[in-house]
Amino acid sequence: MIEVELKLPIYKRSATEAALVREGFEAGDLVKEYDLYFTGSSRDFIKSDEALRIRSSENLTRRTSKSFLTYKGRKLDCVSMTRKELETPIGDTETMKEILISLGYEDQYPVSKLRQYYHKTDVTACVDQVEGLGSFLELEILVPEKAGTGQQPGPEIQHEAREKALARLETILDLLGFSLRETTSRSYLSMIMDRNKKRS
């Protein structure tokens, strides 16, 4: 899947959540997420603009817990957070961590956040409270990499699908009272790393 995403800091969380409901979004689950990112000397994911992480997710609404291994490719444009995403569930986070470390990867700064999900058709909105960073809004649409026949579409078709999804997210952003100028293409990990560098 290709994850087409816009992200921006917000300063009035309750007003943003009210705006989402006004625009037809329905509140989903409240989830506590703990992300541990990895990089390696042979392949520095930070320098290559990729990401490899273990996410431990505690669903406070459903009282369930699960973990995932996720790979994110390079960003596909300079405006949004659009990128390829591959994710699979894992049963034992500590064992998975030891496997990655044994393969030569090193864990980075963790990212911990409280995430409230909202949904409207195929659009997902996340209102995040990120530890050490503040509140953010993410808007996301997942675009399939492959056509319905199982065949790989050409780059023109992929690009058109991404552009249409991004245009829809821009429209929603405007309806919520924000603009594209307020968005950021930086990951939470990079923000936390910069914050820690300034403190050292």
Protein backbone atom coordinates (compact mmCIF):
# COMPACT_ATOMS: atom_id res chain seq x y z
CA MET A 1 0.00 0.00 0.00
CA ILE A 2 0.95 3.63 -0.51
CA GLU A 3 0.23 5.80 2.52
CA VAL A 4 -0.83 9.32 1.41
CA GLU A 5 -0.62 11.46 4.52
CA LEU A 6 -0.68 15.05 5.70
CA LYS A 7 0.51 15.98 9.19
CA LEU A 8 0.54 19.24 11.13
CA PRO A 9 0.91 20.47 14.71
CA ILE A 10 -2.30 21.61 16.41
CA TYR A 11 -2.72 23.85 19.43
CA LYS A 12 -6.43 23.43 20.22
CA ARG A 13 -7.04 19.70 20.34
CA SER A 14 -10.70 19.88 21.40
CA ALA A 15 -11.51 22.38 18.63
CA THR A 16 -9.86 20.13 16.04
CA GLU A 17 -11.79 17.09 17.23
CA ALA A 18 -15.05 19.07 17.13
CA ALA A 19 -14.25 20.17 13.56
CA LEU A 20 -13.66 16.56 12.51
CA VAL A 21 -17.06 15.53 13.88
CA ARG A 22 -18.68 18.52 12.16
CA GLU A 23 -17.23 17.35 8.84
CA GLY A 24 -18.70 13.88 9.23
CA PHE A 25 -15.87 11.96 10.87
CA GLU A 26 -16.83 9.35 13.46
CA ALA A 27 -14.68 8.76 16.52
CA GLY A 28 -12.88 5.43 16.54
CA ASP A 29 -10.59 3.81 19.08
CA LEU A 30 -8.30 5.50 21.57
CA VAL A 31 -4.91 3.80 21.32
CA LYS A 32 -1.60 4.14 23.14
CA GLU A 33 1.28 3.46 20.76
CA TYR A 34 4.95 2.87 21.52
CA ASP A 35 7.25 2.87 18.49
CA LEU A 36 10.83 1.65 18.54
CA TYR A 37 12.79 2.54 15.40
CA PHE A 38 15.88 0.78 14.07
CA THR A 39 18.78 1.65 11.80
CA GLY A 40 22.00 -0.06 10.78
CA SER A 41 25.56 0.76 9.74
CA SER A 42 25.10 -1.00 6.41
CA ARG A 43 21.76 0.69 5.80
CA ASP A 44 21.07 3.93 7.64
CA PHE A 45 17.31 4.33 7.42
CA ILE A 46 17.47 7.88 8.75
CA LYS A 47 19.82 9.03 5.97
CA SER A 48 17.91 7.07 3.31
CA ASP A 49 14.56 8.57 4.44
CA GLU A 50 13.15 5.12 5.24
CA ALA A 51 11.86 3.66 8.49
CA LEU A 52 11.93 0.27 10.20
CA ARG A 53 10.05 -0.01 13.48
CA ILE A 54 8.34 -2.23 16.01
CA ARG A 55 5.03 -0.77 17.15
CA SER A 56 3.41 -1.93 20.39
CA SER A 57 -0.23 -0.85 20.42
CA GLU A 58 -2.53 -0.86 23.45
CA ASN A 59 -6.17 -0.28 22.45
CA LEU A 60 -7.72 1.49 25.44
CA THR A 61 -11.21 1.32 23.92
CA ARG A 62 -11.26 -2.42 23.22
CA ARG A 63 -8.80 -3.39 25.98
CA THR A 64 -6.59 -5.32 23.57
CA SER A 65 -2.88 -5.22 22.73
CA LYS A 66 -0.92 -6.13 19.60
CA SER A 67 2.41 -5.43 17.92
CA PHE A 68 3.58 -4.89 14.37
CA LEU A 69 6.79 -4.78 12.36
CA THR A 70 6.59 -1.91 9.85
CA TYR A 71 8.76 -0.77 6.95
CA LYS A 72 8.21 2.64 5.36
CA GLY A 73 9.88 3.63 2.10
CA ARG A 74 11.23 6.99 1.03
CA LYS A 75 8.77 9.89 0.80
CA LEU A 76 7.38 10.17 -2.73
CA ASP A 77 7.00 13.96 -2.76
CA CYS A 78 8.33 16.99 -0.90
CA VAL A 79 4.94 18.19 0.39
CA SER A 80 3.29 15.27 2.17
CA MET A 81 4.25 12.13 4.08
CA THR A 82 3.29 9.90 1.13
CA ARG A 83 5.31 6.68 1.07
CA LYS A 84 5.14 2.92 0.63
CA GLU A 85 4.19 1.06 3.80
CA LEU A 86 4.51 -2.65 4.59
CA GLU A 87 3.27 -3.98 7.92
CA THR A 88 2.83 -7.39 9.52
CA PRO A 89 1.75 -8.48 13.03
CA ILE A 90 4.32 -10.02 15.37
CA GLY A 91 3.69 -12.17 18.41
CA ASP A 92 6.75 -11.42 20.54
CA THR A 93 8.19 -7.90 20.44
CA GLU A 94 11.26 -8.71 22.53
CA THR A 95 12.22 -11.62 20.30
CA MET A 96 11.69 -9.49 17.19
CA LYS A 97 13.87 -6.79 18.72
CA GLU A 98 16.61 -9.32 19.46
CA ILE A 99 16.42 -10.64 15.88
CA LEU A 100 16.93 -7.15 14.45
CA ILE A 101 19.79 -6.40 16.86
CA SER A 102 21.41 -9.74 15.99
CA LEU A 103 21.22 -8.76 12.31
CA GLY A 104 23.21 -5.60 13.06
CA TYR A 105 20.45 -3.05 13.57
CA GLU A 106 20.42 -0.58 16.45
CA ASP A 107 17.35 0.78 18.19
CA GLN A 108 16.83 4.56 18.18
CA TYR A 109 14.86 6.95 20.37
CA PRO A 110 11.37 5.59 21.15
CA VAL A 111 8.25 7.51 20.15
CA SER A 112 5.30 7.27 22.53
CA LYS A 113 1.88 8.78 21.80
CA LEU A 114 -1.81 8.68 22.67
CA ARG A 115 -3.81 8.48 19.43
CA GLN A 116 -7.52 9.10 18.92
CA TYR A 117 -8.74 7.69 15.62
CA TYR A 118 -11.50 9.21 13.49
CA HIS A 119 -12.93 7.70 10.29
CA LYS A 120 -14.88 8.93 7.27
CA THR A 121 -15.25 6.55 4.30
CA ASP A 122 -11.64 5.69 3.29
CA VAL A 123 -10.07 8.64 5.16
CA THR A 124 -8.49 8.15 8.58
CA ALA A 125 -7.78 11.08 10.88
CA CYS A 126 -5.53 10.72 13.93
CA VAL A 127 -5.34 13.26 16.73
CA ASP A 128 -2.04 12.52 18.45
CA GLN A 129 -0.59 13.58 21.77
CA VAL A 130 3.11 12.81 21.30
CA GLU A 131 5.26 12.61 24.40
CA GLY A 132 7.73 15.49 24.43
CA LEU A 133 6.37 17.10 21.23
CA GLY A 134 2.73 18.12 21.74
CA SER A 135 -0.42 17.56 19.68
CA PHE A 136 -0.66 16.76 15.97
CA LEU A 137 -3.30 15.94 13.38
CA GLU A 138 -2.68 13.31 10.70
CA LEU A 139 -4.96 12.75 7.70
CA GLU A 140 -4.41 9.57 5.72
CA ILE A 141 -5.67 7.65 2.69
CA LEU A 142 -4.24 4.27 1.70
CA VAL A 143 -3.79 3.81 -2.06
CA PRO A 144 -3.26 0.25 -3.38
CA GLU A 145 0.02 -0.36 -5.20
CA LYS A 146 -1.58 -2.95 -7.46
CA ALA A 147 -4.63 -2.85 -9.70
CA GLY A 148 -7.66 -4.98 -8.91
CA THR A 149 -6.49 -7.68 -11.35
CA GLY A 150 -3.33 -8.18 -9.34
CA GLN A 151 -1.21 -6.52 -12.00
CA GLN A 152 1.15 -3.70 -11.20
CA PRO A 153 -0.19 -0.39 -12.59
CA GLY A 154 2.12 1.89 -14.53
CA PRO A 155 3.86 4.81 -12.81
CA GLU A 156 1.43 7.28 -14.42
CA ILE A 157 -1.58 5.51 -12.86
CA GLN A 158 0.12 5.31 -9.47
CA HIS A 159 1.02 8.99 -9.61
CA GLU A 160 -2.53 9.96 -10.60
CA ALA A 161 -4.03 7.96 -7.73
CA ARG A 162 -1.65 9.56 -5.23
CA GLU A 163 -2.38 13.05 -6.55
CA LYS A 164 -6.15 12.51 -6.30
CA ALA A 165 -5.80 11.26 -2.73
CA LEU A 166 -3.59 14.20 -1.78
CA ALA A 167 -6.08 16.66 -3.32
CA ARG A 168 -8.88 15.13 -1.23
CA LEU A 169 -6.82 15.49 1.94
CA GLU A 170 -6.05 19.13 1.09
CA THR A 171 -9.80 19.78 0.74
CA ILE A 172 -10.49 18.21 4.14
CA LEU A 173 -7.63 20.19 5.66
CA ASP A 174 -9.20 23.41 4.37
CA LEU A 175 -12.64 22.45 5.72
CA LEU A 176 -11.07 21.88 9.14
CA GLY A 177 -9.64 25.41 9.09
CA PHE A 178 -6.02 24.59 8.26
CA SER A 179 -3.81 25.14 5.23
CA LEU A 180 -1.13 23.13 3.46
CA ARG A 181 1.45 25.68 4.65
CA GLU A 182 0.93 24.45 8.20
CA THR A 183 1.82 20.83 7.41
CA THR A 184 5.16 19.15 7.96
CA SER A 185 6.88 16.26 6.20
CA ARG A 186 9.05 15.50 9.23
CA SER A 187 8.56 12.30 11.22
CA TYR A 188 8.02 12.25 14.97
CA LEU A 189 11.35 10.43 15.29
CA SER A 190 13.28 13.20 13.52
CA MET A 191 11.60 15.82 15.72
CA ILE A 192 12.54 13.93 18.88
CA MET A 193 16.12 13.44 17.67
CA ASP A 194 16.46 17.18 16.99
CA ARG A 195 14.99 18.00 20.39
CA ASN A 196 17.46 15.71 22.15
CA LYS A 197 20.41 17.15 20.19
CA LYS A 198 19.48 20.66 21.31
CA ARG A 199 19.33 19.51 24.92
CA SER A 200 22.76 17.80 24.83
